[in-house]
């Protein structure tokens, strides 16, 4: 059989959704069979190594692997920076070519660079951590066509794209289930998640994320109740919900404070500004402290009373595991499939996006010292599951299992086969329906760009004015989708005749009415401003 011509495949399968068809066609290819050999060198990839739970977990995993005697080669898209989490000294690091534009040319460069490094570094197994990357299939093929086993470490919930409401993102799960059938192992972070992935890959396993042991600091426990929130300042983490929860808590316990740890990526700076405005509007400036990115959160865990988690979706939530090592109970919006819901020691939940309910759980704990003490003891006891001793042996076993010749997996039970059939049918039908919905939305967006939005949006101008959108140039629908989903919230100028920030500054009455609500300036100009003779900039 002739080897796969991956350059030709990259040229042919240019869209993410089309990769599902390619994965299906090559599923039984003997060219993807790996060569069993002892694992001595482990390659691993994630976008970067700072400001995030996955990044922190990866740094800990690399420390585990090197301590167990493996040599580690790290691949990232972003160069090293001072905020990176620490790495052992003997780790080799490669910077992969920029694929922000996601063109066939950039993908070929990345593919070649990855294969060259795998061969020169004699990598024996590859652990990939970016399951939502549109480069996933090409990374997998770069690894497996060299006979190297490929392990996908899934840090998120399988349903994490559904709340977006974007048909393209919602359909990503269908594509993933096809691609990850090709992986040698699929690791997920709860028994529920693992059961889902086992329906598509018999090599699926459940692991826990490692957590560093608690660090003793000179920081003392706060004498007044202190809630801690840890996470990137980003929409999916819902930090504004933490503000709402504190506001509810302080109605009955006015001395409770909140500290929020987490950095913000440049594209979410307007989101952070909006969060600060919300805090000010509620009169909570003295009760809420935004601490920014903290590479060493130990003093914050040590002084806090409990942890609050408000994310709309988490695959694991490293902050909960870290908090437990310090004996901190956690109050979280409920995610039924998470590991912590399966082992709820020192873990309490409230319905999603119900700050009043979360506040009741918190005040119940804070108002009952005996219940709080029990929760602290349970949290500390359950933290043993995340220790190095508990997890290192699991990785050694996994790498050792890759040395065995490939064999057919044990046959699934009839019940498991039925579950797999149900899930596959559900996702296939959803894939068809979401494709139709996306086509309908794109048609609507094209019509809108030519009519309702024409006074504030011009696709050609939008692409030229914003260099980060160069990959979307030529696709009016993609540019309009970005404008509606992100550009308006960020206040981007999208045509020559209208600038929302200039429009705001020109008219004090609008600034007083809308404040920092940037989308409202676009809508006002469309609906009223032009007819009133107002200038757009």
Protein backbone atom coordinates (compact mmCIF):
# COMPACT_ATOMS: atom_id res chain seq x y z
CA UNK A 1 0.00 0.00 0.00
CA UNK A 2 1.33 3.43 -0.92
CA UNK A 3 1.98 5.81 1.99
CA UNK A 4 -0.50 8.57 2.69
CA UNK A 5 0.31 11.73 0.75
CA UNK A 6 -0.45 14.09 3.62
CA UNK A 7 0.44 17.25 1.69
CA UNK A 8 -2.14 16.34 -0.93
CA UNK A 9 -4.69 15.57 1.80
CA UNK A 10 -4.07 18.97 3.41
CA UNK A 11 -4.78 20.59 0.04
CA UNK A 12 -7.96 18.57 -0.41
CA UNK A 13 -9.50 18.72 3.08
CA UNK A 14 -9.29 22.42 3.79
CA UNK A 15 -12.24 22.87 6.17
CA UNK A 16 -12.51 21.51 9.67
CA UNK A 17 -15.80 19.72 9.02
CA UNK A 18 -14.33 17.89 6.01
CA UNK A 19 -11.72 16.30 8.29
CA UNK A 20 -14.44 13.97 9.60
CA UNK A 21 -14.74 12.47 6.10
CA UNK A 22 -10.98 12.00 5.86
CA UNK A 23 -10.78 10.39 9.29
CA UNK A 24 -13.55 7.96 8.30
CA UNK A 25 -11.81 7.02 5.05
CA UNK A 26 -8.45 6.25 6.64
CA UNK A 27 -9.77 4.62 9.84
CA UNK A 28 -8.76 1.09 8.82
CA UNK A 29 -5.51 2.08 7.12
CA UNK A 30 -2.57 -0.10 8.08
CA UNK A 31 -0.39 2.95 7.44
CA UNK A 32 -1.50 4.32 10.80
CA UNK A 33 -0.49 1.28 12.82
CA UNK A 34 2.15 2.13 15.40
CA UNK A 35 5.38 0.25 16.03
CA UNK A 36 5.56 -1.23 19.54
CA UNK A 37 8.73 -0.19 21.34
CA UNK A 38 9.83 0.85 24.81
CA UNK A 39 8.92 4.44 25.55
CA UNK A 40 11.97 6.47 26.49
CA UNK A 41 11.22 9.89 24.98
CA UNK A 42 7.79 11.54 25.26
CA UNK A 43 6.70 14.38 23.00
CA UNK A 44 3.86 16.64 24.14
CA UNK A 45 2.00 19.67 22.75
CA UNK A 46 -0.12 22.58 23.93
CA UNK A 47 -0.46 26.14 22.62
CA UNK A 48 1.50 27.81 25.43
CA UNK A 49 2.68 27.29 29.02
CA UNK A 50 1.19 30.16 31.04
CA UNK A 51 -2.09 31.61 32.37
CA UNK A 52 -4.34 28.58 32.38
CA UNK A 53 -5.28 25.29 33.99
CA UNK A 54 -4.17 23.11 31.06
CA UNK A 55 -0.83 24.91 31.00
CA UNK A 56 -0.33 24.36 34.72
CA UNK A 57 -1.29 20.68 34.46
CA UNK A 58 1.11 20.19 31.56
CA UNK A 59 4.03 21.60 33.56
CA UNK A 60 3.20 19.18 36.37
CA UNK A 61 2.89 16.23 33.99
CA UNK A 62 6.28 16.99 32.48
CA UNK A 63 7.76 17.00 35.98
CA UNK A 64 6.11 13.62 36.63
CA UNK A 65 7.44 12.13 33.42
CA UNK A 66 11.01 13.34 33.92
CA UNK A 67 11.00 12.12 37.53
CA UNK A 68 9.88 8.70 36.26
CA UNK A 69 12.90 8.56 33.95
CA UNK A 70 11.40 9.68 30.63
CA UNK A 71 13.00 12.29 28.44
CA UNK A 72 10.47 14.99 27.43
CA UNK A 73 10.23 17.18 24.34
CA UNK A 74 7.70 20.03 24.57
CA UNK A 75 6.04 21.63 21.52
CA UNK A 76 4.16 24.94 21.72
CA UNK A 77 2.72 27.51 19.32
CA UNK A 78 3.79 30.41 21.54
CA UNK A 79 7.43 31.18 22.46
CA UNK A 80 8.66 30.96 26.06
CA UNK A 81 7.84 33.95 28.26
CA UNK A 82 8.59 34.99 31.86
CA UNK A 83 5.08 33.99 33.00
CA UNK A 84 5.52 30.35 31.92
CA UNK A 85 5.06 27.67 34.55
CA UNK A 86 8.37 26.04 35.55
CA UNK A 87 9.89 23.15 33.64
CA UNK A 88 12.64 20.70 34.59
CA UNK A 89 16.01 21.78 33.22
CA UNK A 90 16.49 18.89 30.81
CA UNK A 91 13.29 19.47 28.80
CA UNK A 92 13.78 20.29 25.11
CA UNK A 93 11.31 22.81 23.69
CA UNK A 94 10.27 23.40 20.08
CA UNK A 95 8.28 26.33 18.72
CA UNK A 96 6.00 25.13 15.92
CA UNK A 97 5.36 27.40 12.90
CA UNK A 98 2.51 29.87 13.25
CA UNK A 99 -0.73 28.42 11.88
CA UNK A 100 -3.01 31.27 12.91
CA UNK A 101 -4.07 31.67 9.29
CA UNK A 102 -4.91 27.94 8.92
CA UNK A 103 -4.02 27.84 5.24
CA UNK A 104 -2.79 24.67 3.50
CA UNK A 105 0.67 26.24 3.23
CA UNK A 106 1.00 26.99 6.95
CA UNK A 107 -0.36 23.55 7.84
CA UNK A 108 2.22 21.88 5.60
CA UNK A 109 5.00 23.86 7.30
CA UNK A 110 3.75 22.78 10.72
CA UNK A 111 3.35 19.16 9.61
CA UNK A 112 6.91 19.02 8.27
CA UNK A 113 8.40 20.75 11.32
CA UNK A 114 6.62 18.38 13.70
CA UNK A 115 7.71 15.27 11.81
CA UNK A 116 11.30 16.50 11.56
CA UNK A 117 11.48 17.07 15.32
CA UNK A 118 9.86 13.71 16.11
CA UNK A 119 12.46 11.92 14.02
CA UNK A 120 15.49 13.91 15.21
CA UNK A 121 14.49 13.63 18.88
CA UNK A 122 13.59 9.91 18.55
CA UNK A 123 10.21 10.42 20.18
CA UNK A 124 8.50 7.16 21.18
CA UNK A 125 5.05 8.44 22.26
CA UNK A 126 3.21 11.72 21.80
CA UNK A 127 0.71 13.27 24.25
CA UNK A 128 -1.44 16.00 22.64
CA UNK A 129 -3.44 18.38 24.86
CA UNK A 130 -5.36 20.60 22.39
CA UNK A 131 -8.46 18.59 21.51
CA UNK A 132 -10.30 21.62 20.10
CA UNK A 133 -7.44 22.61 17.79
CA UNK A 134 -8.28 22.64 14.09
CA UNK A 135 -4.80 21.16 13.58
CA UNK A 136 -5.66 18.05 15.62
CA UNK A 137 -6.04 15.65 12.69
CA UNK A 138 -2.88 16.89 10.97
CA UNK A 139 -0.88 16.65 14.21
CA UNK A 140 -2.20 13.12 14.70
CA UNK A 141 -1.22 12.12 11.16
CA UNK A 142 2.21 13.72 11.51
CA UNK A 143 2.81 11.52 14.54
CA UNK A 144 1.15 8.26 13.52
CA UNK A 145 2.49 8.07 9.95
CA UNK A 146 5.92 7.83 11.62
CA UNK A 147 4.72 4.81 13.63
CA UNK A 148 4.59 6.75 16.92
CA UNK A 149 1.60 6.21 19.27
CA UNK A 150 -0.68 9.25 19.67
CA UNK A 151 -2.45 10.00 22.96
CA UNK A 152 -5.09 12.74 23.15
CA UNK A 153 -5.50 14.24 26.62
CA UNK A 154 -8.94 15.88 26.72
CA UNK A 155 -9.05 18.65 29.30
CA UNK A 156 -12.61 19.79 28.55
CA UNK A 157 -16.13 18.45 28.65
CA UNK A 158 -17.28 16.69 25.48
CA UNK A 159 -20.24 19.09 25.39
CA UNK A 160 -18.19 22.25 25.96
CA UNK A 161 -18.96 23.76 22.53
CA UNK A 162 -22.73 23.37 22.73
CA UNK A 163 -23.46 26.47 24.86
CA UNK A 164 -21.82 28.69 22.21
CA UNK A 165 -24.94 28.56 20.05
CA UNK A 166 -22.68 28.60 16.98
CA UNK A 167 -23.60 25.67 14.69
CA UNK A 168 -19.99 25.33 13.50
CA UNK A 169 -18.67 25.06 17.05
CA UNK A 170 -21.51 22.80 18.16
CA UNK A 171 -20.74 20.46 15.27
CA UNK A 172 -17.14 20.12 16.42
CA UNK A 173 -18.03 17.17 18.64
CA UNK A 174 -19.11 15.14 15.60
CA UNK A 175 -15.75 15.82 13.92
CA UNK A 176 -13.85 15.01 17.11
CA UNK A 177 -15.51 11.63 17.56
CA UNK A 178 -14.35 10.70 14.05
CA UNK A 179 -10.80 11.98 14.43
CA UNK A 180 -10.20 10.48 17.86
CA UNK A 181 -11.11 6.99 16.66
CA UNK A 182 -7.62 7.15 15.12
CA UNK A 183 -5.84 7.87 18.43
CA UNK A 184 -4.09 5.10 20.33
CA UNK A 185 -5.43 6.38 23.66
CA UNK A 186 -7.97 9.03 24.66
CA UNK A 187 -7.66 10.36 28.19
CA UNK A 188 -10.51 12.20 29.89
CA UNK A 189 -11.01 13.46 33.42
CA UNK A 190 -14.07 11.77 34.89
CA UNK A 191 -15.78 8.40 34.74
CA UNK A 192 -18.71 9.95 32.89
CA UNK A 193 -16.50 11.59 30.26
CA UNK A 194 -14.56 8.36 29.85
CA UNK A 195 -17.73 6.36 29.25
CA UNK A 196 -18.63 8.76 26.46
CA UNK A 197 -15.25 8.49 24.71
CA UNK A 198 -15.19 4.71 25.10
CA UNK A 199 -18.17 4.62 22.74
CA UNK A 200 -15.82 5.82 19.99
CA UNK A 201 -12.39 4.58 21.03
CA UNK A 202 -11.82 1.39 23.08
CA UNK A 203 -8.47 2.84 24.18
CA UNK A 204 -10.17 5.57 26.22
CA UNK A 205 -9.06 5.86 29.85
CA UNK A 206 -9.92 8.01 32.84
CA UNK A 207 -7.06 9.90 34.55
CA UNK A 208 -6.96 12.68 37.12
CA UNK A 209 -4.98 15.87 36.73
CA UNK A 210 -1.93 16.16 38.98
CA UNK A 211 -1.85 18.81 41.65
CA UNK A 212 1.16 20.19 43.47
CA UNK A 213 1.30 19.55 47.22
CA UNK A 214 0.35 22.57 49.34
CA UNK A 215 3.08 25.13 49.94
CA UNK A 216 3.47 26.51 53.42
CA UNK A 217 3.55 30.31 53.42
CA UNK A 218 3.55 32.98 56.09
CA UNK A 219 0.03 34.00 55.07
CA UNK A 220 -2.55 33.53 57.81
CA UNK A 221 -6.17 32.51 57.41
CA UNK A 222 -8.38 35.55 56.96
CA UNK A 223 -10.15 36.53 60.16
CA UNK A 224 -13.26 37.49 58.17
CA UNK A 225 -14.86 35.20 55.56
CA UNK A 226 -12.94 35.33 52.27
CA UNK A 227 -14.18 33.73 49.06
CA UNK A 228 -11.57 32.89 46.42
CA UNK A 229 -12.25 32.69 42.66
CA UNK A 230 -9.53 31.36 40.32
CA UNK A 231 -9.61 31.36 36.51
CA UNK A 232 -8.83 33.27 33.34
CA UNK A 233 -10.93 36.37 32.81
CA UNK A 234 -12.91 34.96 29.89
CA UNK A 235 -16.61 34.47 29.07
CA UNK A 236 -16.64 30.71 29.64
CA UNK A 237 -15.35 31.23 33.21
CA UNK A 238 -18.21 33.65 33.96
CA UNK A 239 -16.42 35.86 36.50
CA UNK A 240 -19.41 38.22 36.47
CA UNK A 241 -21.39 35.42 38.15
CA UNK A 242 -18.95 35.50 41.07
CA UNK A 243 -19.68 39.20 41.47
CA UNK A 244 -23.43 38.48 41.51
CA UNK A 245 -22.95 35.69 44.08
CA UNK A 246 -20.98 37.97 46.40
CA UNK A 247 -23.63 40.65 46.08
CA UNK A 248 -26.24 38.14 47.23
CA UNK A 249 -24.06 36.82 50.07
CA UNK A 250 -23.43 40.29 51.46
CA UNK A 251 -27.15 40.93 51.87
CA UNK A 252 -27.00 38.76 55.00
CA UNK A 253 -23.22 38.68 55.64
CA UNK A 254 -21.84 42.13 54.77
CA UNK A 255 -18.29 41.40 55.92
CA UNK A 256 -17.66 38.65 53.34
CA UNK A 257 -15.04 39.55 50.71
CA UNK A 258 -14.00 38.10 47.34
CA UNK A 259 -10.56 37.81 45.76
CA UNK A 260 -10.37 36.95 42.05
CA UNK A 261 -7.18 35.47 40.57
CA UNK A 262 -6.63 35.23 36.84
CA UNK A 263 -5.02 36.93 33.88
CA UNK A 264 -6.73 38.26 30.79
CA UNK A 265 -5.75 37.67 27.17
CA UNK A 266 -5.67 40.86 25.03
CA UNK A 267 -8.84 40.02 23.13
CA UNK A 268 -10.79 39.91 26.41
CA UNK A 269 -9.64 43.28 27.80
CA UNK A 270 -13.08 44.80 27.02
CA UNK A 271 -14.62 41.93 28.97
CA UNK A 272 -12.43 42.79 31.97
CA UNK A 273 -13.41 46.45 31.66
CA UNK A 274 -17.07 45.41 31.70
CA UNK A 275 -16.44 43.29 34.82
CA UNK A 276 -14.89 46.27 36.61
CA UNK A 277 -17.87 48.43 35.64
CA UNK A 278 -20.25 45.82 37.07
CA UNK A 279 -18.32 45.74 40.34
CA UNK A 280 -18.48 49.54 40.56
CA UNK A 281 -22.18 49.63 39.68
CA UNK A 282 -22.93 47.26 42.59
CA UNK A 283 -20.79 49.30 44.99
CA UNK A 284 -18.44 46.37 45.63
CA UNK A 285 -15.05 48.00 44.93
CA UNK A 286 -14.01 47.61 48.58
CA UNK A 287 -15.27 44.03 48.80
CA UNK A 288 -13.78 42.59 45.58
CA UNK A 289 -10.08 42.50 44.74
CA UNK A 290 -8.95 41.65 41.19
CA UNK A 291 -5.50 40.12 41.75
CA UNK A 292 -4.57 39.32 38.13
CA UNK A 293 -2.43 36.37 37.06
CA UNK A 294 -0.59 34.76 39.98
CA UNK A 295 1.90 31.98 39.13
CA UNK A 296 2.06 31.11 42.84
CA UNK A 297 -1.50 31.06 44.22
CA UNK A 298 -0.49 29.35 47.50
CA UNK A 299 -0.88 32.43 49.77
CA UNK A 300 -4.37 33.03 48.39
CA UNK A 301 -5.51 29.47 49.03
CA UNK A 302 -4.00 29.61 52.50
CA UNK A 303 -5.90 32.75 53.56
CA UNK A 304 -9.25 31.90 51.92
CA UNK A 305 -12.31 30.38 53.56
CA UNK A 306 -13.73 28.64 50.50
CA UNK A 307 -13.46 28.47 46.72
CA UNK A 308 -16.19 29.63 44.32
CA UNK A 309 -16.39 28.23 40.76
CA UNK A 310 -18.79 29.82 38.26
CA UNK A 311 -17.62 28.39 34.92
CA UNK A 312 -20.21 27.40 32.36
CA UNK A 313 -18.19 24.28 31.65
CA UNK A 314 -15.06 22.61 33.02
CA UNK A 315 -13.39 19.36 32.07
CA UNK A 316 -11.76 19.12 35.48
CA UNK A 317 -11.11 22.54 37.11
CA UNK A 318 -7.63 22.39 38.57
CA UNK A 319 -8.51 25.15 41.03
CA UNK A 320 -10.84 22.77 42.87
CA UNK A 321 -8.11 20.17 43.24
CA UNK A 322 -5.63 22.83 44.38
CA UNK A 323 -8.12 24.23 46.87
CA UNK A 324 -8.73 20.77 48.31
CA UNK A 325 -5.02 20.32 49.06
CA UNK A 326 -5.35 23.37 51.31
CA UNK A 327 -8.52 22.02 52.91
CA UNK A 328 -10.79 24.54 51.21
CA UNK A 329 -14.40 23.53 50.50
CA UNK A 330 -15.74 24.47 47.08
CA UNK A 331 -19.09 25.89 46.01
CA UNK A 332 -19.67 25.49 42.28
CA UNK A 333 -22.30 25.78 39.62
CA UNK A 334 -23.36 22.22 38.92
CA UNK A 335 -21.75 20.15 36.14
CA UNK A 336 -23.14 16.62 36.47
CA UNK A 337 -20.40 14.81 34.52
CA UNK A 338 -17.39 16.34 36.28
CA UNK A 339 -15.13 14.26 38.51
CA UNK A 340 -15.95 16.38 41.53
CA UNK A 341 -19.66 15.68 41.11
CA UNK A 342 -18.75 11.97 41.15
CA UNK A 343 -16.68 12.39 44.35
CA UNK A 344 -18.34 15.33 46.14
CA UNK A 345 -16.25 15.43 49.33
CA UNK A 346 -16.02 19.04 50.42
CA UNK A 347 -17.80 20.01 47.19
CA UNK A 348 -21.19 21.75 47.07
CA UNK A 349 -23.26 22.78 44.06
CA UNK A 350 -25.95 25.22 42.99
CA UNK A 351 -27.94 25.30 39.73
CA UNK A 352 -26.09 26.85 36.80
CA UNK A 353 -26.23 30.66 36.73
CA UNK A 354 -28.32 30.91 39.89
CA UNK A 355 -26.33 33.30 42.11
CA UNK A 356 -29.01 33.43 44.79
CA UNK A 357 -28.86 29.63 45.19
CA UNK A 358 -25.04 29.69 45.31
CA UNK A 359 -25.21 32.43 47.94
CA UNK A 360 -27.52 30.29 50.06
CA UNK A 361 -25.04 27.41 49.98
CA UNK A 362 -22.20 29.75 50.95
CA UNK A 363 -24.03 31.46 53.78
CA UNK A 364 -25.17 28.05 55.02
CA UNK A 365 -21.54 26.95 55.34
CA UNK A 366 -20.26 30.23 56.75
CA UNK A 367 -23.08 30.35 59.27
CA UNK A 368 -22.43 26.83 60.58
CA UNK A 369 -18.85 26.47 61.89
CA UNK A 370 -19.29 22.73 62.49
CA UNK A 371 -20.47 22.11 58.91
CA UNK A 372 -17.62 24.23 57.56
CA UNK A 373 -15.07 22.28 59.61
CA UNK A 374 -16.46 18.95 58.31
CA UNK A 375 -16.28 20.24 54.75
CA UNK A 376 -12.67 21.35 55.26
CA UNK A 377 -11.73 17.91 56.59
CA UNK A 378 -13.45 16.13 53.70
CA UNK A 379 -11.78 18.38 51.14
CA UNK A 380 -8.32 17.75 52.60
CA UNK A 381 -8.86 13.99 52.74
CA UNK A 382 -10.05 13.76 49.13
CA UNK A 383 -7.00 15.67 47.86
CA UNK A 384 -4.88 12.51 48.20
CA UNK A 385 -6.28 11.37 44.83
CA UNK A 386 -4.28 14.10 43.03
CA UNK A 387 -0.89 13.30 44.56
CA UNK A 388 2.20 12.36 42.58
CA UNK A 389 2.28 8.91 44.16
CA UNK A 390 -1.29 8.21 43.06
CA UNK A 391 -0.85 9.38 39.47
CA UNK A 392 2.75 8.68 38.39
CA UNK A 393 2.27 4.91 38.33
CA UNK A 394 -0.77 5.33 36.09
CA UNK A 395 1.36 7.08 33.45
CA UNK A 396 4.10 4.46 33.66
CA UNK A 397 1.49 1.75 33.13
CA UNK A 398 0.05 3.58 30.13
CA UNK A 399 3.43 4.08 28.45
CA UNK A 400 4.33 0.44 29.16
CA UNK A 401 1.07 -0.68 27.54
CA UNK A 402 2.17 0.96 24.27
CA UNK A 403 5.06 -1.53 23.96
CA UNK A 404 2.69 -4.46 23.37
CA UNK A 405 1.91 -5.44 19.76
CA UNK A 406 -1.37 -4.02 18.55
CA UNK A 407 -4.30 -6.31 19.08
CA UNK A 408 -8.04 -6.03 18.78
CA UNK A 409 -9.64 -4.58 21.92
CA UNK A 410 -11.81 -6.74 24.09
CA UNK A 411 -15.27 -6.96 22.62
CA UNK A 412 -17.68 -4.53 24.21
CA UNK A 413 -20.79 -5.73 25.96
CA UNK A 414 -24.05 -5.55 24.10
CA UNK A 415 -25.11 -2.69 26.38
CA UNK A 416 -21.96 -0.71 25.54
CA UNK A 417 -22.50 -1.37 21.84
CA UNK A 418 -26.02 -0.04 22.10
CA UNK A 419 -24.76 3.12 23.84
CA UNK A 420 -22.17 3.61 21.11
CA UNK A 421 -24.79 3.17 18.40
CA UNK A 422 -27.14 5.65 20.07
CA UNK A 423 -24.43 8.29 20.48
CA UNK A 424 -23.15 7.83 16.95
CA UNK A 425 -26.65 8.14 15.49
CA UNK A 426 -27.40 11.20 17.61
CA UNK A 427 -24.21 12.99 16.59
CA UNK A 428 -24.59 12.08 12.91
CA UNK A 429 -28.13 13.44 12.78
CA UNK A 430 -27.08 16.54 14.72
CA UNK A 431 -24.24 17.03 12.24
CA UNK A 432 -26.71 17.06 9.35
CA UNK A 433 -29.10 19.42 11.13
CA UNK A 434 -26.37 21.81 12.26
CA UNK A 435 -25.02 21.95 8.72
CA UNK A 436 -28.43 23.06 7.46
CA UNK A 437 -28.75 25.61 10.25
CA UNK A 438 -25.34 27.04 9.50
CA UNK A 439 -26.26 27.45 5.83
CA UNK A 440 -29.45 29.25 6.81
CA UNK A 441 -27.58 31.55 9.19
CA UNK A 442 -24.94 32.36 6.59
CA UNK A 443 -27.67 33.28 4.10
CA UNK A 444 -29.26 35.55 6.69
CA UNK A 445 -25.93 37.15 7.52
CA UNK A 446 -25.22 37.87 3.85
CA UNK A 447 -28.62 39.52 3.48
CA UNK A 448 -28.06 41.49 6.67
CA UNK A 449 -24.66 42.71 5.51
CA UNK A 450 -26.21 44.04 2.33
CA UNK A 451 -29.08 45.77 4.08
CA UNK A 452 -29.59 46.35 7.78
CA UNK A 453 -25.90 46.44 8.70
CA UNK A 454 -24.49 48.17 5.63
CA UNK A 455 -24.11 51.50 7.43
CA UNK A 456 -21.73 50.02 10.04
CA UNK A 457 -20.16 46.99 8.33
CA UNK A 458 -18.12 46.51 5.18
CA UNK A 459 -16.38 43.14 4.92
CA UNK A 460 -13.44 44.32 2.81
CA UNK A 461 -12.76 47.28 5.11
CA UNK A 462 -13.11 45.08 8.23
CA UNK A 463 -10.52 42.56 7.03
CA UNK A 464 -8.06 45.27 5.96
CA UNK A 465 -8.40 47.31 9.17
CA UNK A 466 -7.70 44.42 11.55
CA UNK A 467 -4.56 42.33 10.85
CA UNK A 468 -5.67 39.53 13.19
CA UNK A 469 -8.52 38.81 10.75
CA UNK A 470 -6.28 38.17 7.75
CA UNK A 471 -7.21 34.48 7.75
CA UNK A 472 -10.87 35.46 7.12
CA UNK A 473 -10.16 37.82 4.21
CA UNK A 474 -12.28 36.97 1.18
CA UNK A 475 -15.01 35.27 3.20
CA UNK A 476 -17.72 37.87 3.80
CA UNK A 477 -19.77 35.43 5.86
CA UNK A 478 -16.87 34.55 8.19
CA UNK A 479 -16.00 38.23 8.63
CA UNK A 480 -19.60 39.12 9.40
CA UNK A 481 -19.84 36.24 11.86
CA UNK A 482 -16.75 37.56 13.67
CA UNK A 483 -18.17 41.09 13.68
CA UNK A 484 -21.49 39.99 15.18
CA UNK A 485 -19.99 37.55 17.68
CA UNK A 486 -16.94 39.53 18.82
CA UNK A 487 -16.25 42.71 16.86
CA UNK A 488 -19.22 44.69 18.15
CA UNK A 489 -18.44 43.81 21.77
CA UNK A 490 -14.83 44.88 21.22
CA UNK A 491 -15.87 48.14 19.55
CA UNK A 492 -14.05 47.48 16.27
CA UNK A 493 -14.51 49.89 13.40
CA UNK A 494 -15.99 47.90 10.52
CA UNK A 495 -16.50 50.52 7.81
CA UNK A 496 -14.98 53.83 6.75
CA UNK A 497 -17.95 55.97 7.80
CA UNK A 498 -18.65 54.74 11.34
CA UNK A 499 -16.43 54.37 14.41
CA UNK A 500 -18.37 53.36 17.56
CA UNK A 501 -15.87 54.90 19.98
CA UNK A 502 -15.73 58.18 18.07
CA UNK A 503 -19.55 58.16 17.88
CA UNK A 504 -19.70 57.71 21.66
CA UNK A 505 -17.30 60.59 22.27
CA UNK A 506 -19.11 62.90 19.85
CA UNK A 507 -22.44 62.69 21.67
CA UNK A 508 -22.52 63.01 25.49
CA UNK A 509 -26.19 61.97 25.60
CA UNK A 510 -25.33 58.60 24.07
CA UNK A 511 -22.31 58.16 26.32
CA UNK A 512 -24.50 58.78 29.35
CA UNK A 513 -27.14 56.36 28.09
CA UNK A 514 -24.91 53.48 26.94
CA UNK A 515 -21.64 53.90 28.84
CA UNK A 516 -19.29 51.03 27.90
CA UNK A 517 -22.00 49.00 26.16
CA UNK A 518 -20.32 49.26 22.74
CA UNK A 519 -22.85 47.24 20.67
CA UNK A 520 -25.52 49.80 21.57
CA UNK A 521 -23.69 52.53 19.65
CA UNK A 522 -23.84 50.51 16.43
CA UNK A 523 -27.55 49.84 16.90
CA UNK A 524 -28.35 53.44 17.75
CA UNK A 525 -26.61 54.69 14.62
CA UNK A 526 -28.42 52.13 12.43
CA UNK A 527 -31.87 52.74 13.93
CA UNK A 528 -31.74 56.43 14.84
CA UNK A 529 -28.41 58.17 14.32
CA UNK A 530 -28.42 58.39 10.55
CA UNK A 531 -32.01 59.63 10.36
CA UNK A 532 -31.22 62.22 13.04
CA UNK A 533 -28.31 63.51 10.98
CA UNK A 534 -25.65 62.40 13.46
CA UNK A 535 -22.11 61.90 12.23
CA UNK A 536 -20.71 58.38 12.41
CA UNK A 537 -17.19 59.50 13.33
